[in-house]
Amino acid sequence: MGIGLLGLTPDCLYDLTFREFGNAVRGRYKFLEQAQRADWERTRWQTALLLNVHTKKGASVKPKDLATFPWEQKKKANPSKGWATLKALATKEDGITG
């Protein structure tokens, strides 16, 4: 994994601590995920441009009309869950019962 995925030499690989190696692997996966997201967004944008050439005048297709990716969807905040978590933390640490 260190030699193949990260492209490290054996000497460099064996000089890393477990934490450093884990951070390097997580960073590499994050980089690959960002590159893949950019590719998908570019493809969606190009498709929208190609479709707009063939639409009626005044009408247009927006890239988000074609597809909405999971990373673009808004996460719904649950305020009651946050309050319950905060309350549980406060009572756990202070020994307060409520």
C-alpha atoms as a PDB file:
ATOM      1  CA  MET A   1       0.000   0.000   0.000  1.00  0.00           C
ATOM      2  CA  GLY A   2       2.745   2.438   0.904  1.00  0.00           C
ATOM      3  CA  ILE A   3       4.857   1.583  -2.097  1.00  0.00           C
ATOM      4  CA  GLY A   4       1.974   1.165  -4.576  1.00  0.00           C
ATOM      5  CA  LEU A   5      -0.676   3.661  -3.473  1.00  0.00           C
ATOM      6  CA  LEU A   6       1.595   6.322  -2.025  1.00  0.00           C
ATOM      7  CA  GLY A   7       4.604   5.736  -4.264  1.00  0.00           C
ATOM      8  CA  LEU A   8       7.039   5.670  -1.354  1.00  0.00           C
ATOM      9  CA  THR A   9      10.452   4.073  -1.440  1.00  0.00           C
ATOM     10  CA  PRO A  10      10.980   1.259   1.069  1.00  0.00           C
ATOM     11  CA  ASP A  11      13.361   3.442   3.120  1.00  0.00           C
ATOM     12  CA  CYS A  12      10.838   6.271   3.301  1.00  0.00           C
ATOM     13  CA  LEU A  13       8.014   3.856   4.090  1.00  0.00           C
ATOM     14  CA  TYR A  14       9.841   2.244   7.019  1.00  0.00           C
ATOM     15  CA  ASP A  15      10.764   5.648   8.463  1.00  0.00           C
ATOM     16  CA  LEU A  16       7.081   6.540   8.938  1.00  0.00           C
ATOM     17  CA  THR A  17       5.217   5.997  12.184  1.00  0.00           C
ATOM     18  CA  PHE A  18       1.814   4.289  12.079  1.00  0.00           C
ATOM     19  CA  ARG A  19       0.102   7.642  12.541  1.00  0.00           C
ATOM     20  CA  GLU A  20       2.092   9.266   9.729  1.00  0.00           C
ATOM     21  CA  PHE A  21       1.355   6.335   7.435  1.00  0.00           C
ATOM     22  CA  GLY A  22      -2.357   6.470   8.265  1.00  0.00           C
ATOM     23  CA  ASN A  23      -2.446  10.208   7.625  1.00  0.00           C
ATOM     24  CA  ALA A  24      -0.684   9.733   4.288  1.00  0.00           C
ATOM     25  CA  VAL A  25      -3.144   7.032   3.194  1.00  0.00           C
ATOM     26  CA  ARG A  26      -6.170   9.116   4.261  1.00  0.00           C
ATOM     27  CA  GLY A  27      -4.749  12.134   2.444  1.00  0.00           C
ATOM     28  CA  ARG A  28      -4.176  10.138  -0.726  1.00  0.00           C
ATOM     29  CA  TYR A  29      -7.721   8.737  -0.677  1.00  0.00           C
ATOM     30  CA  LYS A  30      -9.113  12.230  -0.091  1.00  0.00           C
ATOM     31  CA  PHE A  31      -7.089  13.538  -3.031  1.00  0.00           C
ATOM     32  CA  LEU A  32      -8.372  10.740  -5.291  1.00  0.00           C
ATOM     33  CA  GLU A  33     -11.962  11.387  -4.181  1.00  0.00           C
ATOM     34  CA  GLN A  34     -11.652  15.112  -4.953  1.00  0.00           C
ATOM     35  CA  ALA A  35     -10.224  14.331  -8.393  1.00  0.00           C
ATOM     36  CA  GLN A  36     -13.099  11.951  -9.101  1.00  0.00           C
ATOM     37  CA  ARG A  37     -15.657  14.534  -7.994  1.00  0.00           C
ATOM     38  CA  ALA A  38     -14.090  17.099 -10.315  1.00  0.00           C
ATOM     39  CA  ASP A  39     -14.291  14.625 -13.199  1.00  0.00           C
ATOM     40  CA  TRP A  40     -17.991  13.938 -12.569  1.00  0.00           C
ATOM     41  CA  GLU A  41     -18.797  17.648 -12.297  1.00  0.00           C
ATOM     42  CA  ARG A  42     -16.868  18.387 -15.489  1.00  0.00           C
ATOM     43  CA  THR A  43     -18.766  15.633 -17.308  1.00  0.00           C
ATOM     44  CA  ARG A  44     -22.095  17.007 -16.099  1.00  0.00           C
ATOM     45  CA  TRP A  45     -21.117  20.517 -17.191  1.00  0.00           C
ATOM     46  CA  GLN A  46     -20.028  19.332 -20.661  1.00  0.00           C
ATOM     47  CA  THR A  47     -23.267  17.373 -21.076  1.00  0.00           C
ATOM     48  CA  ALA A  48     -25.304  20.461 -20.182  1.00  0.00           C
ATOM     49  CA  LEU A  49     -23.399  22.480 -22.780  1.00  0.00           C
ATOM     50  CA  LEU A  50     -23.993  19.839 -25.443  1.00  0.00           C
ATOM     51  CA  LEU A  51     -27.715  19.657 -24.642  1.00  0.00           C
ATOM     52  CA  ASN A  52     -28.102  23.447 -24.673  1.00  0.00           C
ATOM     53  CA  VAL A  53     -27.019  23.546 -28.316  1.00  0.00           C
ATOM     54  CA  HIS A  54     -30.100  21.467 -29.186  1.00  0.00           C
ATOM     55  CA  THR A  55     -32.712  23.169 -26.982  1.00  0.00           C
ATOM     56  CA  LYS A  56     -35.215  25.812 -28.059  1.00  0.00           C
ATOM     57  CA  LYS A  57     -34.253  29.456 -27.879  1.00  0.00           C
ATOM     58  CA  GLY A  58     -34.774  30.876 -24.408  1.00  0.00           C
ATOM     59  CA  ALA A  59     -34.700  27.444 -22.760  1.00  0.00           C
ATOM     60  CA  SER A  60     -31.595  26.091 -21.157  1.00  0.00           C
ATOM     61  CA  VAL A  61     -30.477  23.063 -19.236  1.00  0.00           C
ATOM     62  CA  LYS A  62     -28.482  23.702 -16.087  1.00  0.00           C
ATOM     63  CA  PRO A  63     -25.927  21.130 -14.935  1.00  0.00           C
ATOM     64  CA  LYS A  64     -27.819  20.527 -11.679  1.00  0.00           C
ATOM     65  CA  ASP A  65     -30.964  19.803 -13.702  1.00  0.00           C
ATOM     66  CA  LEU A  66     -29.197  16.732 -15.075  1.00  0.00           C
ATOM     67  CA  ALA A  67     -27.889  15.272 -11.824  1.00  0.00           C
ATOM     68  CA  THR A  68     -27.367  16.190  -8.203  1.00  0.00           C
ATOM     69  CA  PHE A  69     -24.469  14.353  -6.638  1.00  0.00           C
ATOM     70  CA  PRO A  70     -24.536  13.042  -3.051  1.00  0.00           C
ATOM     71  CA  TRP A  71     -21.882  15.516  -1.925  1.00  0.00           C
ATOM     72  CA  GLU A  72     -24.034  18.412  -3.154  1.00  0.00           C
ATOM     73  CA  GLN A  73     -27.132  17.472  -1.197  1.00  0.00           C
ATOM     74  CA  LYS A  74     -27.669  19.501   1.940  1.00  0.00           C
ATOM     75  CA  LYS A  75     -27.646  17.618   5.192  1.00  0.00           C
ATOM     76  CA  LYS A  76     -30.647  18.309   7.374  1.00  0.00           C
ATOM     77  CA  ALA A  77     -29.735  19.606  10.788  1.00  0.00           C
ATOM     78  CA  ASN A  78     -31.585  18.029  13.676  1.00  0.00           C
ATOM     79  CA  PRO A  79     -31.476  20.625  16.489  1.00  0.00           C
ATOM     80  CA  SER A  80     -33.118  18.327  19.026  1.00  0.00           C
ATOM     81  CA  LYS A  81     -30.418  15.705  18.517  1.00  0.00           C
ATOM     82  CA  GLY A  82     -27.688  18.300  19.039  1.00  0.00           C
ATOM     83  CA  TRP A  83     -29.355  19.541  22.224  1.00  0.00           C
ATOM     84  CA  ALA A  84     -29.739  15.990  23.545  1.00  0.00           C
ATOM     85  CA  THR A  85     -26.073  15.267  22.862  1.00  0.00           C
ATOM     86  CA  LEU A  86     -24.969  18.467  24.581  1.00  0.00           C
ATOM     87  CA  LYS A  87     -27.176  17.738  27.577  1.00  0.00           C
ATOM     88  CA  ALA A  88     -25.863  14.162  27.817  1.00  0.00           C
ATOM     89  CA  LEU A  89     -22.276  15.402  27.747  1.00  0.00           C
ATOM     90  CA  ALA A  90     -22.952  18.003  30.420  1.00  0.00           C
ATOM     91  CA  THR A  91     -24.646  15.549  32.776  1.00  0.00           C
ATOM     92  CA  LYS A  92     -22.030  12.870  32.184  1.00  0.00           C
ATOM     93  CA  GLU A  93     -19.066  15.107  33.021  1.00  0.00           C
ATOM     94  CA  ASP A  94     -20.610  17.069  35.880  1.00  0.00           C
ATOM     95  CA  GLY A  95     -22.445  14.203  37.494  1.00  0.00           C
ATOM     96  CA  ILE A  96     -25.655  16.219  37.281  1.00  0.00           C
ATOM     97  CA  THR A  97     -28.850  14.306  36.871  1.00  0.00           C
ATOM     98  CA  GLY A  98     -31.704  15.981  35.125  1.00  0.00           C
END
